[in-house]
Amino acid sequence: MAGIISRAREEGMQQGIEQGMQQGMRRGRVEGERALLERLLLRRFGFLAPEIAARLGQASADDLETWADKVLDAPTIDDVFESGR
């Protein structure tokens, strides 16, 4: 019985570690996308208003990808963040 409990505990710990690693990798990816988009925006448009920086800080991975797709072609920074394009 003790062996079964020990094995179950070990398996549970392993699953927790794997989930934590996956979550950390997702967060790292989002942070990398955010940092790259911020660099591109700064290079293309110059100074970022505080509300733009805040928006980037709260953005989902999907939002960041959508905005990154727009940054090279958008005539203004506001056009990057327009929905429906």
PDB file of N, CA and C in Angstrom:
ATOM      1  N   MET A   1       0.826  -1.207   0.000  1.00  0.00           N
ATOM      2  CA  MET A   1       0.000   0.000   0.000  1.00  0.00           C
ATOM      3  C   MET A   1       0.861   1.258   0.000  1.00  0.00           C
ATOM      4  N   ALA A   2       1.914   1.243   0.849  1.00  0.00           N
ATOM      5  CA  ALA A   2       2.807   2.401   0.927  1.00  0.00           C
ATOM      6  C   ALA A   2       3.488   2.641  -0.416  1.00  0.00           C
ATOM      7  N   GLY A   3       3.827   1.550  -1.117  1.00  0.00           N
ATOM      8  CA  GLY A   3       4.469   1.676  -2.438  1.00  0.00           C
ATOM      9  C   GLY A   3       3.543   2.317  -3.455  1.00  0.00           C
ATOM     10  N   ILE A   4       2.267   1.972  -3.410  1.00  0.00           N
ATOM     11  CA  ILE A   4       1.281   2.532  -4.339  1.00  0.00           C
ATOM     12  C   ILE A   4       1.117   4.026  -4.081  1.00  0.00           C
ATOM     13  N   ILE A   5       1.038   4.398  -2.804  1.00  0.00           N
ATOM     14  CA  ILE A   5       0.884   5.818  -2.445  1.00  0.00           C
ATOM     15  C   ILE A   5       2.119   6.595  -2.858  1.00  0.00           C
ATOM     16  N   SER A   6       3.278   6.023  -2.610  1.00  0.00           N
ATOM     17  CA  SER A   6       4.530   6.678  -2.978  1.00  0.00           C
ATOM     18  C   SER A   6       4.622   6.870  -4.489  1.00  0.00           C
ATOM     19  N   ARG A   7       4.253   5.862  -5.242  1.00  0.00           N
ATOM     20  CA  ARG A   7       4.280   5.941  -6.701  1.00  0.00           C
ATOM     21  C   ARG A   7       3.275   6.981  -7.206  1.00  0.00           C
ATOM     22  N   ALA A   8       2.089   6.996  -6.618  1.00  0.00           N
ATOM     23  CA  ALA A   8       1.068   7.969  -7.020  1.00  0.00           C
ATOM     24  C   ALA A   8       1.545   9.391  -6.713  1.00  0.00           C
ATOM     25  N   ARG A   9       2.163   9.576  -5.560  1.00  0.00           N
ATOM     26  CA  ARG A   9       2.686  10.889  -5.186  1.00  0.00           C
ATOM     27  C   ARG A   9       3.773  11.326  -6.177  1.00  0.00           C
ATOM     28  N   GLU A  10       4.648  10.417  -6.525  1.00  0.00           N
ATOM     29  CA  GLU A  10       5.726  10.702  -7.467  1.00  0.00           C
ATOM     30  C   GLU A  10       5.169  11.069  -8.845  1.00  0.00           C
ATOM     31  N   GLU A  11       4.167  10.323  -9.299  1.00  0.00           N
ATOM     32  CA  GLU A  11       3.535  10.620 -10.586  1.00  0.00           C
ATOM     33  C   GLU A  11       2.848  11.976 -10.550  1.00  0.00           C
ATOM     34  N   GLY A  12       2.200  12.280  -9.454  1.00  0.00           N
ATOM     35  CA  GLY A  12       1.543  13.578  -9.307  1.00  0.00           C
ATOM     36  C   GLY A  12       2.540  14.720  -9.323  1.00  0.00           C
ATOM     37  N   MET A  13       3.655  14.524  -8.645  1.00  0.00           N
ATOM     38  CA  MET A  13       4.696  15.552  -8.647  1.00  0.00           C
ATOM     39  C   MET A  13       5.264  15.747 -10.045  1.00  0.00           C
ATOM     40  N   GLN A  14       5.465  14.667 -10.771  1.00  0.00           N
ATOM     41  CA  GLN A  14       5.992  14.750 -12.133  1.00  0.00           C
ATOM     42  C   GLN A  14       5.022  15.498 -13.045  1.00  0.00           C
ATOM     43  N   GLN A  15       3.733  15.201 -12.906  1.00  0.00           N
ATOM     44  CA  GLN A  15       2.729  15.910 -13.706  1.00  0.00           C
ATOM     45  C   GLN A  15       2.729  17.396 -13.370  1.00  0.00           C
ATOM     46  N   GLY A  16       2.846  17.717 -12.096  1.00  0.00           N
ATOM     47  CA  GLY A  16       2.891  19.120 -11.683  1.00  0.00           C
ATOM     48  C   GLY A  16       4.095  19.840 -12.249  1.00  0.00           C
ATOM     49  N   ILE A  17       5.235  19.181 -12.246  1.00  0.00           N
ATOM     50  CA  ILE A  17       6.448  19.770 -12.809  1.00  0.00           C
ATOM     51  C   ILE A  17       6.278  20.019 -14.304  1.00  0.00           C
ATOM     52  N   GLU A  18       5.736  19.042 -15.009  1.00  0.00           N
ATOM     53  CA  GLU A  18       5.531  19.183 -16.451  1.00  0.00           C
ATOM     54  C   GLU A  18       4.567  20.321 -16.763  1.00  0.00           C
ATOM     55  N   GLN A  19       3.483  20.420 -15.999  1.00  0.00           N
ATOM     56  CA  GLN A  19       2.521  21.501 -16.215  1.00  0.00           C
ATOM     57  C   GLN A  19       3.164  22.850 -15.935  1.00  0.00           C
ATOM     58  N   GLY A  20       3.955  22.926 -14.882  1.00  0.00           N
ATOM     59  CA  GLY A  20       4.642  24.170 -14.552  1.00  0.00           C
ATOM     60  C   GLY A  20       5.614  24.581 -15.643  1.00  0.00           C
ATOM     61  N   MET A  21       6.320  23.615 -16.195  1.00  0.00           N
ATOM     62  CA  MET A  21       7.262  23.912 -17.280  1.00  0.00           C
ATOM     63  C   MET A  21       6.530  24.422 -18.521  1.00  0.00           C
ATOM     64  N   GLN A  22       5.424  23.783 -18.853  1.00  0.00           N
ATOM     65  CA  GLN A  22       4.648  24.218 -20.018  1.00  0.00           C
ATOM     66  C   GLN A  22       4.107  25.628 -19.811  1.00  0.00           C
ATOM     67  N   GLN A  23       3.612  25.898 -18.620  1.00  0.00           N
ATOM     68  CA  GLN A  23       3.091  27.232 -18.322  1.00  0.00           C
ATOM     69  C   GLN A  23       4.217  28.269 -18.401  1.00  0.00           C
ATOM     70  N   GLY A  24       5.369  27.938 -17.875  1.00  0.00           N
ATOM     71  CA  GLY A  24       6.508  28.842 -17.933  1.00  0.00           C
ATOM     72  C   GLY A  24       6.960  29.109 -19.358  1.00  0.00           C
ATOM     73  N   MET A  25       6.933  28.086 -20.186  1.00  0.00           N
ATOM     74  CA  MET A  25       7.307  28.253 -21.589  1.00  0.00           C
ATOM     75  C   MET A  25       6.317  29.148 -22.316  1.00  0.00           C
ATOM     76  N   ARG A  26       5.016  28.985 -22.030  1.00  0.00           N
ATOM     77  CA  ARG A  26       4.004  29.850 -22.652  1.00  0.00           C
ATOM     78  C   ARG A  26       4.208  31.296 -22.232  1.00  0.00           C
ATOM     79  N   ARG A  27       4.441  31.501 -20.938  1.00  0.00           N
ATOM     80  CA  ARG A  27       4.672  32.867 -20.456  1.00  0.00           C
ATOM     81  C   ARG A  27       5.899  33.478 -21.095  1.00  0.00           C
ATOM     82  N   GLY A  28       6.957  32.683 -21.205  1.00  0.00           N
ATOM     83  CA  GLY A  28       8.183  33.172 -21.835  1.00  0.00           C
ATOM     84  C   GLY A  28       7.968  33.550 -23.286  1.00  0.00           C
ATOM     85  N   ARG A  29       7.179  32.766 -23.979  1.00  0.00           N
ATOM     86  CA  ARG A  29       6.875  33.056 -25.386  1.00  0.00           C
ATOM     87  C   ARG A  29       6.102  34.363 -25.511  1.00  0.00           C
ATOM     88  N   VAL A  30       5.106  34.544 -24.668  1.00  0.00           N
ATOM     89  CA  VAL A  30       4.306  35.771 -24.701  1.00  0.00           C
ATOM     90  C   VAL A  30       5.173  36.973 -24.358  1.00  0.00           C
ATOM     91  N   GLU A  31       6.023  36.846 -23.360  1.00  0.00           N
ATOM     92  CA  GLU A  31       6.901  37.958 -22.984  1.00  0.00           C
ATOM     93  C   GLU A  31       7.864  38.294 -24.124  1.00  0.00           C
ATOM     94  N   GLY A  32       8.367  37.274 -24.807  1.00  0.00           N
ATOM     95  CA  GLY A  32       9.246  37.515 -25.951  1.00  0.00           C
ATOM     96  C   GLY A  32       8.521  38.218 -27.084  1.00  0.00           C
ATOM     97  N   GLU A  33       7.298  37.797 -27.366  1.00  0.00           N
ATOM     98  CA  GLU A  33       6.495  38.450 -28.406  1.00  0.00           C
ATOM     99  C   GLU A  33       6.216  39.904 -28.033  1.00  0.00           C
ATOM    100  N   ARG A  34       5.907  40.118 -26.768  1.00  0.00           N
ATOM    101  CA  ARG A  34       5.616  41.469 -26.289  1.00  0.00           C
ATOM    102  C   ARG A  34       6.845  42.373 -26.440  1.00  0.00           C
ATOM    103  N   ALA A  35       8.004  41.867 -26.041  1.00  0.00           N
ATOM    104  CA  ALA A  35       9.238  42.653 -26.125  1.00  0.00           C
ATOM    105  C   ALA A  35       9.591  42.970 -27.576  1.00  0.00           C
ATOM    106  N   LEU A  36       9.439  41.994 -28.458  1.00  0.00           N
ATOM    107  CA  LEU A  36       9.742  42.224 -29.865  1.00  0.00           C
ATOM    108  C   LEU A  36       8.781  43.233 -30.479  1.00  0.00           C
ATOM    109  N   LEU A  37       7.507  43.105 -30.197  1.00  0.00           N
ATOM    110  CA  LEU A  37       6.530  44.051 -30.735  1.00  0.00           C
ATOM    111  C   LEU A  37       6.811  45.463 -30.221  1.00  0.00           C
ATOM    112  N   GLU A  38       7.147  45.587 -28.961  1.00  0.00           N
ATOM    113  CA  GLU A  38       7.476  46.905 -28.409  1.00  0.00           C
ATOM    114  C   GLU A  38       8.680  47.506 -29.138  1.00  0.00           C
ATOM    115  N   ARG A  39       9.698  46.697 -29.389  1.00  0.00           N
ATOM    116  CA  ARG A  39      10.869  47.188 -30.128  1.00  0.00           C
ATOM    117  C   ARG A  39      10.494  47.634 -31.533  1.00  0.00           C
ATOM    118  N   LEU A  40       9.662  46.840 -32.206  1.00  0.00           N
ATOM    119  CA  LEU A  40       9.240  47.206 -33.559  1.00  0.00           C
ATOM    120  C   LEU A  40       8.430  48.500 -33.559  1.00  0.00           C
ATOM    121  N   LEU A  41       7.533  48.628 -32.600  1.00  0.00           N
ATOM    122  CA  LEU A  41       6.721  49.853 -32.517  1.00  0.00           C
ATOM    123  C   LEU A  41       7.599  51.075 -32.251  1.00  0.00           C
ATOM    124  N   LEU A  42       8.535  50.930 -31.342  1.00  0.00           N
ATOM    125  CA  LEU A  42       9.438  52.038 -31.044  1.00  0.00           C
ATOM    126  C   LEU A  42      10.257  52.427 -32.270  1.00  0.00           C
ATOM    127  N   ARG A  43      10.748  51.449 -32.974  1.00  0.00           N
ATOM    128  CA  ARG A  43      11.569  51.736 -34.156  1.00  0.00           C
ATOM    129  C   ARG A  43      10.735  52.373 -35.266  1.00  0.00           C
ATOM    130  N   ARG A  44       9.520  51.894 -35.433  1.00  0.00           N
ATOM    131  CA  ARG A  44       8.674  52.393 -36.537  1.00  0.00           C
ATOM    132  C   ARG A  44       8.019  53.725 -36.218  1.00  0.00           C
ATOM    133  N   PHE A  45       7.546  53.897 -34.970  1.00  0.00           N
ATOM    134  CA  PHE A  45       6.740  55.072 -34.643  1.00  0.00           C
ATOM    135  C   PHE A  45       7.359  55.986 -33.588  1.00  0.00           C
ATOM    136  N   GLY A  46       8.445  55.575 -32.974  1.00  0.00           N
ATOM    137  CA  GLY A  46       9.078  56.404 -31.946  1.00  0.00           C
ATOM    138  C   GLY A  46       8.455  56.157 -30.581  1.00  0.00           C
ATOM    139  N   PHE A  47       8.372  57.180 -29.800  1.00  0.00           N
ATOM    140  CA  PHE A  47       7.877  57.119 -28.424  1.00  0.00           C
ATOM    141  C   PHE A  47       6.533  56.397 -28.339  1.00  0.00           C
ATOM    142  N   LEU A  48       6.394  55.547 -27.319  1.00  0.00           N
ATOM    143  CA  LEU A  48       5.120  54.862 -27.070  1.00  0.00           C
ATOM    144  C   LEU A  48       4.397  55.553 -25.926  1.00  0.00           C
ATOM    145  N   ALA A  49       3.172  55.951 -26.175  1.00  0.00           N
ATOM    146  CA  ALA A  49       2.356  56.570 -25.129  1.00  0.00           C
ATOM    147  C   ALA A  49       2.126  55.566 -24.001  1.00  0.00           C
ATOM    148  N   PRO A  50       1.953  56.050 -22.777  1.00  0.00           N
ATOM    149  CA  PRO A  50       1.727  55.146 -21.646  1.00  0.00           C
ATOM    150  C   PRO A  50       0.547  54.194 -21.847  1.00  0.00           C
ATOM    151  N   GLU A  51      -0.499  54.641 -22.505  1.00  0.00           N
ATOM    152  CA  GLU A  51      -1.648  53.755 -22.720  1.00  0.00           C
ATOM    153  C   GLU A  51      -1.315  52.627 -23.703  1.00  0.00           C
ATOM    154  N   ILE A  52      -0.420  52.889 -24.641  1.00  0.00           N
ATOM    155  CA  ILE A  52       0.019  51.829 -25.561  1.00  0.00           C
ATOM    156  C   ILE A  52       0.862  50.808 -24.798  1.00  0.00           C
ATOM    157  N   ALA A  53       1.783  51.303 -23.973  1.00  0.00           N
ATOM    158  CA  ALA A  53       2.615  50.409 -23.165  1.00  0.00           C
ATOM    159  C   ALA A  53       1.749  49.555 -22.237  1.00  0.00           C
ATOM    160  N   ALA A  54       0.733  50.154 -21.643  1.00  0.00           N
ATOM    161  CA  ALA A  54      -0.172  49.413 -20.757  1.00  0.00           C
ATOM    162  C   ALA A  54      -0.944  48.363 -21.544  1.00  0.00           C
ATOM    163  N   ARG A  55      -1.372  48.730 -22.721  1.00  0.00           N
ATOM    164  CA  ARG A  55      -2.119  47.783 -23.562  1.00  0.00           C
ATOM    165  C   ARG A  55      -1.256  46.587 -23.936  1.00  0.00           C
ATOM    166  N   LEU A  56       0.005  46.848 -24.259  1.00  0.00           N
ATOM    167  CA  LEU A  56       0.927  45.762 -24.563  1.00  0.00           C
ATOM    168  C   LEU A  56       1.118  44.858 -23.353  1.00  0.00           C
ATOM    169  N   GLY A  57       1.208  45.467 -22.185  1.00  0.00           N
ATOM    170  CA  GLY A  57       1.430  44.708 -20.962  1.00  0.00           C
ATOM    171  C   GLY A  57       0.287  43.787 -20.592  1.00  0.00           C
ATOM    172  N   GLN A  58      -0.911  44.097 -21.055  1.00  0.00           N
ATOM    173  CA  GLN A  58      -2.091  43.304 -20.716  1.00  0.00           C
ATOM    174  C   GLN A  58      -2.563  42.414 -21.868  1.00  0.00           C
ATOM    175  N   ALA A  59      -1.849  42.450 -22.978  1.00  0.00           N
ATOM    176  CA  ALA A  59      -2.305  41.769 -24.188  1.00  0.00           C
ATOM    177  C   ALA A  59      -2.129  40.259 -24.103  1.00  0.00           C
ATOM    178  N   SER A  60      -3.027  39.571 -24.778  1.00  0.00           N
ATOM    179  CA  SER A  60      -2.930  38.113 -24.915  1.00  0.00           C
ATOM    180  C   SER A  60      -1.953  37.788 -26.044  1.00  0.00           C
ATOM    181  N   ALA A  61      -1.575  36.536 -26.130  1.00  0.00           N
ATOM    182  CA  ALA A  61      -0.697  36.092 -27.217  1.00  0.00           C
ATOM    183  C   ALA A  61      -1.359  36.343 -28.574  1.00  0.00           C
ATOM    184  N   ASP A  62      -2.651  36.108 -28.668  1.00  0.00           N
ATOM    185  CA  ASP A  62      -3.367  36.346 -29.928  1.00  0.00           C
ATOM    186  C   ASP A  62      -3.335  37.813 -30.320  1.00  0.00           C
ATOM    187  N   ASP A  63      -3.558  38.708 -29.343  1.00  0.00           N
ATOM    188  CA  ASP A  63      -3.501  40.147 -29.621  1.00  0.00           C
ATOM    189  C   ASP A  63      -2.115  40.544 -30.124  1.00  0.00           C
ATOM    190  N   LEU A  64      -1.093  40.066 -29.444  1.00  0.00           N
ATOM    191  CA  LEU A  64       0.276  40.411 -29.825  1.00  0.00           C
ATOM    192  C   LEU A  64       0.587  39.948 -31.244  1.00  0.00           C
ATOM    193  N   GLU A  65       0.149  38.761 -31.598  1.00  0.00           N
ATOM    194  CA  GLU A  65       0.376  38.249 -32.955  1.00  0.00           C
ATOM    195  C   GLU A  65      -0.368  39.085 -33.992  1.00  0.00           C
ATOM    196  N   THR A  66      -1.596  39.447 -33.687  1.00  0.00           N
ATOM    197  CA  THR A  66      -2.381  40.268 -34.611  1.00  0.00           C
ATOM    198  C   THR A  66      -1.716  41.614 -34.838  1.00  0.00           C
ATOM    199  N   TRP A  67      -1.298  42.253 -33.756  1.00  0.00           N
ATOM    200  CA  TRP A  67      -0.648  43.564 -33.864  1.00  0.00           C
ATOM    201  C   TRP A  67       0.694  43.470 -34.574  1.00  0.00           C
ATOM    202  N   ALA A  68       1.442  42.415 -34.316  1.00  0.00           N
ATOM    203  CA  ALA A  68       2.738  42.232 -34.972  1.00  0.00           C
ATOM    204  C   ALA A  68       2.557  42.092 -36.484  1.00  0.00           C
ATOM    205  N   ASP A  69       1.486  41.442 -36.906  1.00  0.00           N
ATOM    206  CA  ASP A  69       1.210  41.302 -38.334  1.00  0.00           C
ATOM    207  C   ASP A  69       0.937  42.657 -38.986  1.00  0.00           C
ATOM    208  N   LYS A  70       0.448  43.612 -38.227  1.00  0.00           N
ATOM    209  CA  LYS A  70       0.070  44.917 -38.766  1.00  0.00           C
ATOM    210  C   LYS A  70       1.188  45.957 -38.712  1.00  0.00           C
ATOM    211  N   VAL A  71       2.175  45.761 -37.854  1.00  0.00           N
ATOM    212  CA  VAL A  71       3.115  46.831 -37.542  1.00  0.00           C
ATOM    213  C   VAL A  71       3.908  47.314 -38.755  1.00  0.00           C
ATOM    214  N   LEU A  72       4.218  46.470 -39.695  1.00  0.00           N
ATOM    215  CA  LEU A  72       5.024  46.904 -40.834  1.00  0.00           C
ATOM    216  C   LEU A  72       4.238  47.691 -41.872  1.00  0.00           C
ATOM    217  N   ASP A  73       2.941  47.460 -41.970  1.00  0.00           N
ATOM    218  CA  ASP A  73       2.135  48.108 -43.003  1.00  0.00           C
ATOM    219  C   ASP A  73       1.274  49.258 -42.496  1.00  0.00           C
ATOM    220  N   ALA A  74       1.069  49.359 -41.207  1.00  0.00           N
ATOM    221  CA  ALA A  74       0.173  50.382 -40.657  1.00  0.00           C
ATOM    222  C   ALA A  74       0.803  51.769 -40.815  1.00  0.00           C
ATOM    223  N   PRO A  75       0.034  52.726 -41.343  1.00  0.00           N
ATOM    224  CA  PRO A  75       0.580  54.071 -41.501  1.00  0.00           C
ATOM    225  C   PRO A  75       0.761  54.812 -40.164  1.00  0.00           C
ATOM    226  N   THR A  76      -0.050  54.461 -39.166  1.00  0.00           N
ATOM    227  CA  THR A  76       0.067  55.096 -37.852  1.00  0.00           C
ATOM    228  C   THR A  76       0.015  54.012 -36.778  1.00  0.00           C
ATOM    229  N   ILE A  77       0.469  54.369 -35.603  1.00  0.00           N
ATOM    230  CA  ILE A  77       0.436  53.409 -34.494  1.00  0.00           C
ATOM    231  C   ILE A  77      -1.008  53.046 -34.133  1.00  0.00           C
ATOM    232  N   ASP A  78      -1.921  54.000 -34.282  1.00  0.00           N
ATOM    233  CA  ASP A  78      -3.329  53.707 -33.994  1.00  0.00           C
ATOM    234  C   ASP A  78      -3.872  52.636 -34.933  1.00  0.00           C
ATOM    235  N   ASP A  79      -3.389  52.625 -36.168  1.00  0.00           N
ATOM    236  CA  ASP A  79      -3.841  51.620 -37.126  1.00  0.00           C
ATOM    237  C   ASP A  79      -3.389  50.214 -36.738  1.00  0.00           C
ATOM    238  N   VAL A  80      -2.279  50.105 -36.037  1.00  0.00           N
ATOM    239  CA  VAL A  80      -1.814  48.795 -35.560  1.00  0.00           C
ATOM    240  C   VAL A  80      -2.853  48.190 -34.649  1.00  0.00           C
ATOM    241  N   PHE A  81      -3.451  49.016 -33.802  1.00  0.00           N
ATOM    242  CA  PHE A  81      -4.363  48.534 -32.765  1.00  0.00           C
ATOM    243  C   PHE A  81      -5.832  48.569 -33.161  1.00  0.00           C
ATOM    244  N   GLU A  82      -6.130  49.033 -34.370  1.00  0.00           N
ATOM    245  CA  GLU A  82      -7.512  49.034 -34.858  1.00  0.00           C
ATOM    246  C   GLU A  82      -7.997  47.607 -35.025  1.00  0.00           C
ATOM    247  N   SER A  83      -9.214  47.344 -34.620  1.00  0.00           N
ATOM    248  CA  SER A  83      -9.781  46.010 -34.840  1.00  0.00           C
ATOM    249  C   SER A  83     -10.470  45.982 -36.196  1.00  0.00           C
ATOM    250  N   GLY A  84     -10.638  44.785 -36.710  1.00  0.00           N
ATOM    251  CA  GLY A  84     -11.355  44.640 -37.976  1.00  0.00           C
ATOM    252  C   GLY A  84     -10.481  44.795 -39.197  1.00  0.00           C
ATOM    253  N   ARG A  85      -9.193  44.801 -38.994  1.00  0.00           N
ATOM    254  CA  ARG A  85      -8.296  44.891 -40.144  1.00  0.00           C
ATOM    255  C   ARG A  85      -7.568  43.625 -40.345  1.00  0.00           C
TER     256      ARG A  85
END
